[in-house]
Structures are given as structure tokens and as C-alpha cells.
Amino acid sequence: MAKEDRTQELIDAARDLFLRFGYKKATLDDLADTVGMTKSSLYHYFSSKEDLFRKVANELFHRDLDLTERTLASSATIQEALVRLQKRMRERVAQVDPNATELIGEMNSIFPLIRKSFEQSSDHFLEALQKRLDRAVAEGELRPMPTREFAMVLLLLLRNSLVFRRHGRLTKEIAQHWEHFVNVLLAPYRVRPVSKS
């Protein structure tokens, strides 16, 4: 197996362990057992548990950003784009073990570099949302609006709608509330009313 393939296999396995157990509880011994290697052989691929964790976190950020950009670009209307985005993010969050929800908190408190990556990731999400809103304005779907500020509000609402997963309340009702919030927020800027189907 090529080193790049093996490295990716280790990152994938480590991601699953970190998401299931959190950073502090997951060990390199666990990873070695999972992939059938010795702990010492892992150091041929990563300099430390922290190095591996940084690579996992970076991959997760990029994967979520890619999902966001694809979802926003592929939707016909801004309403559809935002509803689809929240649905896809809920699906992603639902895959995470509820016992590992402290992982983001661990990332922020243990690793300043990862906190910086998380902040940069937030900036990229914000830019993607603003770009989609700008497109909606340019195409005449929405009236001119403060797209940057609006994107900030949407990002906060989106994140908060996903937090319900931590409390075991990730339901269709939350998705319906999200769609309602989007409708209410977009209403003053709509050029055409949304048809009720």
C-alpha cells in the first residue's frame, strides 16, 4: 500500500476514534489496534497524537466546507439552498456519536492552532453563504441587502440548529423551524413571494 493511501487510512480510522471517544479518551494504542499496526509504526506517519489530530480536524473542516459549497451552488433558489444545507449538515451531525460532542470544545481548548483553523473555517463558511446571497441578489431573486451581515445571522442560526444534536433533540421539528426562520428572514428581501406547495 502506498504511503499516501496508508496515511489516509490512518486519518480515517483516527477520525472515527476521535468522534466516538473524544481527543482525550482516544489513544494511539486504540488506533494501532484498529488498523493492525504497532503504536511505534504510527510514528512513521505522524509525529504525535496532536499531529494526527490536527490532520483529522483539518480534513473535517475541508469536507464540511466542500459540502457547503456544493450544496449552495447546486440549489435553484436561495430558500432551497439554505434548507438543503441545513438538512445535509444535520445528516452529518447525526453520524457523530453523541458522546463525542465535546470534541470541538477539546479542539478549541487544547490546540490554539486548531482553534485558528476553526475560525478560518468559519470565515470560509461565511464567505460561501455570502457568495450565494450575492448570487440571489444578482439574479433578481432577492432585493439588495447587507449580504455579509445576513450571512453571519444565517451561520449563527445554522450552528444553533445543529446544537440540538447534543441534547438528543435532532428531529424533523427542528428542520421545520429552520425553514420557518429562513422564510421570516428572507421575507423583506424577496422580489417574488415563495409559492406554498
C-alpha atoms as a PDB file:
ATOM      1  CA  MET A   1       0.000   0.000   0.000  1.00  0.00           C
ATOM      2  CA  ALA A   2       1.346   3.443  -0.939  1.00  0.00           C
ATOM      3  CA  LYS A   3       2.283   5.708   1.952  1.00  0.00           C
ATOM      4  CA  GLU A   4      -0.386   8.285   0.951  1.00  0.00           C
ATOM      5  CA  ASP A   5      -3.080   5.577   0.974  1.00  0.00           C
ATOM      6  CA  ARG A   6      -1.924   4.248   4.339  1.00  0.00           C
ATOM      7  CA  THR A   7      -1.800   7.778   5.752  1.00  0.00           C
ATOM      8  CA  GLN A   8      -5.383   8.381   4.621  1.00  0.00           C
ATOM      9  CA  GLU A   9      -6.465   5.051   6.124  1.00  0.00           C
ATOM     10  CA  LEU A  10      -4.926   6.117   9.447  1.00  0.00           C
ATOM     11  CA  ILE A  11      -6.595   9.537   9.303  1.00  0.00           C
ATOM     12  CA  ASP A  12      -9.963   7.907   8.577  1.00  0.00           C
ATOM     13  CA  ALA A  13      -9.582   5.449  11.456  1.00  0.00           C
ATOM     14  CA  ALA A  14      -8.379   8.190  13.816  1.00  0.00           C
ATOM     15  CA  ARG A  15     -11.333  10.402  12.807  1.00  0.00           C
ATOM     16  CA  ASP A  16     -13.741   7.629  13.771  1.00  0.00           C
ATOM     17  CA  LEU A  17     -11.978   7.128  17.113  1.00  0.00           C
ATOM     18  CA  PHE A  18     -11.844  10.849  17.927  1.00  0.00           C
ATOM     19  CA  LEU A  19     -15.507  11.308  17.021  1.00  0.00           C
ATOM     20  CA  ARG A  20     -16.520   8.288  19.077  1.00  0.00           C
ATOM     21  CA  PHE A  21     -14.361   8.872  22.175  1.00  0.00           C
ATOM     22  CA  GLY A  22     -13.121  12.450  22.002  1.00  0.00           C
ATOM     23  CA  TYR A  23      -9.495  13.507  21.859  1.00  0.00           C
ATOM     24  CA  LYS A  24      -8.545  12.777  25.466  1.00  0.00           C
ATOM     25  CA  LYS A  25     -10.026   9.267  25.609  1.00  0.00           C
ATOM     26  CA  ALA A  26      -8.883   8.056  22.167  1.00  0.00           C
ATOM     27  CA  THR A  27      -5.350   6.674  22.275  1.00  0.00           C
ATOM     28  CA  LEU A  28      -2.712   5.787  19.732  1.00  0.00           C
ATOM     29  CA  ASP A  29      -2.914   2.242  21.112  1.00  0.00           C
ATOM     30  CA  ASP A  30      -6.598   2.222  20.086  1.00  0.00           C
ATOM     31  CA  LEU A  31      -5.643   3.411  16.618  1.00  0.00           C
ATOM     32  CA  ALA A  32      -2.864   0.853  16.285  1.00  0.00           C
ATOM     33  CA  ASP A  33      -5.255  -1.941  17.299  1.00  0.00           C
ATOM     34  CA  THR A  34      -7.911  -0.685  14.867  1.00  0.00           C
ATOM     35  CA  VAL A  35      -5.600  -0.649  11.854  1.00  0.00           C
ATOM     36  CA  GLY A  36      -3.493  -3.674  12.788  1.00  0.00           C
ATOM     37  CA  MET A  37      -0.215  -1.850  13.366  1.00  0.00           C
ATOM     38  CA  THR A  38       2.083  -1.309  16.289  1.00  0.00           C
ATOM     39  CA  LYS A  39       1.959   2.007  18.078  1.00  0.00           C
ATOM     40  CA  SER A  40       5.604   2.683  17.195  1.00  0.00           C
ATOM     41  CA  SER A  41       4.904   2.203  13.475  1.00  0.00           C
ATOM     42  CA  LEU A  42       2.311   5.002  13.611  1.00  0.00           C
ATOM     43  CA  TYR A  43       5.171   7.445  14.165  1.00  0.00           C
ATOM     44  CA  HIS A  44       6.351   6.794  10.603  1.00  0.00           C
ATOM     45  CA  TYR A  45       3.200   8.637   9.504  1.00  0.00           C
ATOM     46  CA  PHE A  46       2.596  11.183  12.270  1.00  0.00           C
ATOM     47  CA  SER A  47       4.939  12.842  14.717  1.00  0.00           C
ATOM     48  CA  SER A  48       2.443  12.719  17.594  1.00  0.00           C
ATOM     49  CA  LYS A  49      -1.188  12.258  18.571  1.00  0.00           C
ATOM     50  CA  GLU A  50      -1.533  16.039  18.293  1.00  0.00           C
ATOM     51  CA  ASP A  51      -0.167  16.000  14.734  1.00  0.00           C
ATOM     52  CA  LEU A  52      -2.668  13.296  13.792  1.00  0.00           C
ATOM     53  CA  PHE A  53      -5.492  15.207  15.452  1.00  0.00           C
ATOM     54  CA  ARG A  54      -4.619  18.369  13.510  1.00  0.00           C
ATOM     55  CA  LYS A  55      -4.773  16.417  10.252  1.00  0.00           C
ATOM     56  CA  VAL A  56      -8.146  14.900  11.192  1.00  0.00           C
ATOM     57  CA  ALA A  57      -9.580  18.288  12.199  1.00  0.00           C
ATOM     58  CA  ASN A  58      -8.304  19.905   9.014  1.00  0.00           C
ATOM     59  CA  GLU A  59      -9.888  17.181   6.896  1.00  0.00           C
ATOM     60  CA  LEU A  60     -13.217  17.527   8.715  1.00  0.00           C
ATOM     61  CA  PHE A  61     -13.236  21.299   8.183  1.00  0.00           C
ATOM     62  CA  HIS A  62     -12.471  20.928   4.478  1.00  0.00           C
ATOM     63  CA  ARG A  63     -15.064  18.198   3.998  1.00  0.00           C
ATOM     64  CA  ASP A  64     -17.778  20.302   5.619  1.00  0.00           C
ATOM     65  CA  LEU A  65     -16.784  23.352   3.606  1.00  0.00           C
ATOM     66  CA  ASP A  66     -16.892  21.325   0.395  1.00  0.00           C
ATOM     67  CA  LEU A  67     -20.358  20.023   1.323  1.00  0.00           C
ATOM     68  CA  THR A  68     -21.487  23.597   1.993  1.00  0.00           C
ATOM     69  CA  GLU A  69     -20.151  24.974  -1.271  1.00  0.00           C
ATOM     70  CA  ARG A  70     -21.601  22.129  -3.365  1.00  0.00           C
ATOM     71  CA  THR A  71     -24.992  22.400  -1.681  1.00  0.00           C
ATOM     72  CA  LEU A  72     -25.213  26.162  -2.082  1.00  0.00           C
ATOM     73  CA  ALA A  73     -24.082  26.041  -5.716  1.00  0.00           C
ATOM     74  CA  SER A  74     -26.429  23.253  -6.784  1.00  0.00           C
ATOM     75  CA  SER A  75     -29.681  24.712  -5.499  1.00  0.00           C
ATOM     76  CA  ALA A  76     -32.043  26.674  -7.733  1.00  0.00           C
ATOM     77  CA  THR A  77     -33.238  29.218  -5.148  1.00  0.00           C
ATOM     78  CA  ILE A  78     -31.685  30.694  -2.029  1.00  0.00           C
ATOM     79  CA  GLN A  79     -34.533  29.223   0.039  1.00  0.00           C
ATOM     80  CA  GLU A  80     -33.872  25.764  -1.384  1.00  0.00           C
ATOM     81  CA  ALA A  81     -30.127  26.190  -0.882  1.00  0.00           C
ATOM     82  CA  LEU A  82     -30.449  27.077   2.797  1.00  0.00           C
ATOM     83  CA  VAL A  83     -32.957  24.329   3.554  1.00  0.00           C
ATOM     84  CA  ARG A  84     -30.803  21.735   1.775  1.00  0.00           C
ATOM     85  CA  LEU A  85     -27.683  22.956   3.551  1.00  0.00           C
ATOM     86  CA  GLN A  86     -29.241  22.621   6.975  1.00  0.00           C
ATOM     87  CA  LYS A  87     -30.589  19.168   6.093  1.00  0.00           C
ATOM     88  CA  ARG A  88     -27.197  17.948   4.890  1.00  0.00           C
ATOM     89  CA  MET A  89     -25.433  19.384   7.921  1.00  0.00           C
ATOM     90  CA  ARG A  90     -27.996  17.677  10.196  1.00  0.00           C
ATOM     91  CA  GLU A  91     -27.279  14.398   8.417  1.00  0.00           C
ATOM     92  CA  ARG A  92     -23.545  14.897   9.003  1.00  0.00           C
ATOM     93  CA  VAL A  93     -24.053  15.750  12.662  1.00  0.00           C
ATOM     94  CA  ALA A  94     -26.341  12.733  13.111  1.00  0.00           C
ATOM     95  CA  GLN A  95     -23.419  10.482  12.127  1.00  0.00           C
ATOM     96  CA  VAL A  96     -21.367  11.732  15.083  1.00  0.00           C
ATOM     97  CA  ASP A  97     -21.549   9.726  18.281  1.00  0.00           C
ATOM     98  CA  PRO A  98     -23.393  11.864  20.872  1.00  0.00           C
ATOM     99  CA  ASN A  99     -20.705  11.003  23.446  1.00  0.00           C
ATOM    100  CA  ALA A 100     -18.097  12.865  21.377  1.00  0.00           C
ATOM    101  CA  THR A 101     -19.786  16.238  21.227  1.00  0.00           C
ATOM    102  CA  GLU A 102     -17.086  17.662  23.479  1.00  0.00           C
ATOM    103  CA  LEU A 103     -14.624  17.187  20.614  1.00  0.00           C
ATOM    104  CA  ILE A 104     -14.974  20.742  19.298  1.00  0.00           C
ATOM    105  CA  GLY A 105     -14.557  22.081  22.804  1.00  0.00           C
ATOM    106  CA  GLU A 106     -11.440  19.956  23.184  1.00  0.00           C
ATOM    107  CA  MET A 107     -10.104  21.237  19.878  1.00  0.00           C
ATOM    108  CA  ASN A 108     -10.569  24.829  20.965  1.00  0.00           C
ATOM    109  CA  SER A 109      -9.125  24.454  24.444  1.00  0.00           C
ATOM    110  CA  ILE A 110      -6.212  22.100  23.723  1.00  0.00           C
ATOM    111  CA  PHE A 111      -4.939  23.320  20.403  1.00  0.00           C
ATOM    112  CA  PRO A 112      -4.662  27.016  19.607  1.00  0.00           C
ATOM    113  CA  LEU A 113      -3.678  26.169  16.012  1.00  0.00           C
ATOM    114  CA  ILE A 114      -6.840  24.131  15.553  1.00  0.00           C
ATOM    115  CA  ARG A 115      -8.859  26.955  17.081  1.00  0.00           C
ATOM    116  CA  LYS A 116      -7.329  29.231  14.445  1.00  0.00           C
ATOM    117  CA  SER A 117      -8.236  26.690  11.725  1.00  0.00           C
ATOM    118  CA  PHE A 118     -11.779  26.520  13.112  1.00  0.00           C
ATOM    119  CA  GLU A 119     -12.045  30.322  12.940  1.00  0.00           C
ATOM    120  CA  GLN A 120     -10.706  30.305   9.368  1.00  0.00           C
ATOM    121  CA  SER A 121     -13.190  27.565   8.519  1.00  0.00           C
ATOM    122  CA  SER A 122     -15.984  29.736   9.908  1.00  0.00           C
ATOM    123  CA  ASP A 123     -14.768  32.569   7.694  1.00  0.00           C
ATOM    124  CA  HIS A 124     -14.904  30.249   4.663  1.00  0.00           C
ATOM    125  CA  PHE A 125     -18.447  29.131   5.547  1.00  0.00           C
ATOM    126  CA  LEU A 126     -19.416  32.773   5.931  1.00  0.00           C
ATOM    127  CA  GLU A 127     -17.892  33.609   2.530  1.00  0.00           C
ATOM    128  CA  ALA A 128     -19.764  30.705   0.900  1.00  0.00           C
ATOM    129  CA  LEU A 129     -23.071  31.878   2.370  1.00  0.00           C
ATOM    130  CA  GLN A 130     -22.405  35.474   1.364  1.00  0.00           C
ATOM    131  CA  LYS A 131     -21.460  34.420  -2.165  1.00  0.00           C
ATOM    132  CA  ARG A 132     -24.770  32.525  -2.514  1.00  0.00           C
ATOM    133  CA  LEU A 133     -26.721  35.501  -1.177  1.00  0.00           C
ATOM    134  CA  ASP A 134     -24.876  37.811  -3.583  1.00  0.00           C
ATOM    135  CA  ARG A 135     -25.863  35.461  -6.407  1.00  0.00           C
ATOM    136  CA  ALA A 136     -29.518  35.601  -5.325  1.00  0.00           C
ATOM    137  CA  VAL A 137     -29.374  39.410  -5.380  1.00  0.00           C
ATOM    138  CA  ALA A 138     -27.579  39.490  -8.759  1.00  0.00           C
ATOM    139  CA  GLU A 139     -30.141  37.107 -10.286  1.00  0.00           C
ATOM    140  CA  GLY A 140     -33.028  39.226  -9.034  1.00  0.00           C
ATOM    141  CA  GLU A 141     -34.299  36.635  -6.571  1.00  0.00           C
ATOM    142  CA  LEU A 142     -33.654  38.975  -3.630  1.00  0.00           C
ATOM    143  CA  ARG A 143     -33.619  42.747  -3.296  1.00  0.00           C
ATOM    144  CA  PRO A 144     -30.297  44.393  -2.429  1.00  0.00           C
ATOM    145  CA  MET A 145     -29.406  43.555   1.148  1.00  0.00           C
ATOM    146  CA  PRO A 146     -26.443  43.546   3.535  1.00  0.00           C
ATOM    147  CA  THR A 147     -25.311  40.058   2.455  1.00  0.00           C
ATOM    148  CA  ARG A 148     -22.318  39.821   4.821  1.00  0.00           C
ATOM    149  CA  GLU A 149     -24.399  40.581   7.904  1.00  0.00           C
ATOM    150  CA  PHE A 150     -27.215  38.355   6.711  1.00  0.00           C
ATOM    151  CA  ALA A 151     -24.732  35.513   6.157  1.00  0.00           C
ATOM    152  CA  MET A 152     -23.489  35.976   9.748  1.00  0.00           C
ATOM    153  CA  VAL A 153     -27.020  35.616  11.106  1.00  0.00           C
ATOM    154  CA  LEU A 154     -27.634  32.529   8.959  1.00  0.00           C
ATOM    155  CA  LEU A 155     -24.379  30.945  10.115  1.00  0.00           C
ATOM    156  CA  LEU A 156     -25.303  31.505  13.767  1.00  0.00           C
ATOM    157  CA  LEU A 157     -28.794  30.087  13.242  1.00  0.00           C
ATOM    158  CA  LEU A 158     -27.424  27.126  11.312  1.00  0.00           C
ATOM    159  CA  ARG A 159     -24.927  26.266  14.035  1.00  0.00           C
ATOM    160  CA  ASN A 160     -27.531  26.656  16.755  1.00  0.00           C
ATOM    161  CA  SER A 161     -29.981  24.428  14.876  1.00  0.00           C
ATOM    162  CA  LEU A 162     -27.314  21.723  14.869  1.00  0.00           C
ATOM    163  CA  VAL A 163     -26.596  22.033  18.600  1.00  0.00           C
ATOM    164  CA  PHE A 164     -29.856  20.236  19.363  1.00  0.00           C
ATOM    165  CA  ARG A 165     -27.975  17.033  18.446  1.00  0.00           C
ATOM    166  CA  ARG A 166     -26.019  17.397  21.667  1.00  0.00           C
ATOM    167  CA  HIS A 167     -29.249  17.232  23.613  1.00  0.00           C
ATOM    168  CA  GLY A 168     -30.754  14.339  21.662  1.00  0.00           C
ATOM    169  CA  ARG A 169     -33.416  16.539  20.067  1.00  0.00           C
ATOM    170  CA  LEU A 170     -32.415  16.361  16.414  1.00  0.00           C
ATOM    171  CA  THR A 171     -35.853  15.994  14.853  1.00  0.00           C
ATOM    172  CA  LYS A 172     -37.907  16.960  11.831  1.00  0.00           C
ATOM    173  CA  GLU A 173     -39.434  19.667  14.002  1.00  0.00           C
ATOM    174  CA  ILE A 174     -36.057  21.423  14.189  1.00  0.00           C
ATOM    175  CA  ALA A 175     -35.761  21.272  10.408  1.00  0.00           C
ATOM    176  CA  GLN A 176     -39.225  22.817  10.125  1.00  0.00           C
ATOM    177  CA  HIS A 177     -38.186  25.608  12.476  1.00  0.00           C
ATOM    178  CA  TRP A 178     -35.104  26.215  10.342  1.00  0.00           C
ATOM    179  CA  GLU A 179     -37.241  26.569   7.218  1.00  0.00           C
ATOM    180  CA  HIS A 180     -39.544  28.968   9.080  1.00  0.00           C
ATOM    181  CA  PHE A 181     -36.596  31.090  10.254  1.00  0.00           C
ATOM    182  CA  VAL A 182     -35.243  31.241   6.717  1.00  0.00           C
ATOM    183  CA  ASN A 183     -38.680  32.288   5.402  1.00  0.00           C
ATOM    184  CA  VAL A 184     -39.035  35.023   8.012  1.00  0.00           C
ATOM    185  CA  LEU A 185     -35.515  36.346   7.461  1.00  0.00           C
ATOM    186  CA  LEU A 186     -35.764  36.369   3.678  1.00  0.00           C
ATOM    187  CA  ALA A 187     -39.297  37.814   3.501  1.00  0.00           C
ATOM    188  CA  PRO A 188     -38.351  41.529   3.478  1.00  0.00           C
ATOM    189  CA  TYR A 189     -35.818  40.946   0.715  1.00  0.00           C
ATOM    190  CA  ARG A 190     -37.821  38.680  -1.591  1.00  0.00           C
ATOM    191  CA  VAL A 191     -38.654  40.010  -5.010  1.00  0.00           C
ATOM    192  CA  ARG A 192     -41.163  37.221  -5.627  1.00  0.00           C
ATOM    193  CA  PRO A 193     -43.224  35.579  -2.885  1.00  0.00           C
ATOM    194  CA  VAL A 194     -42.454  31.931  -2.210  1.00  0.00           C
ATOM    195  CA  SER A 195     -45.154  29.628  -3.517  1.00  0.00           C
ATOM    196  CA  LYS A 196     -46.605  27.289  -0.917  1.00  0.00           C
ATOM    197  CA  SER A 197     -46.590  23.719  -2.102  1.00  0.00           C
END
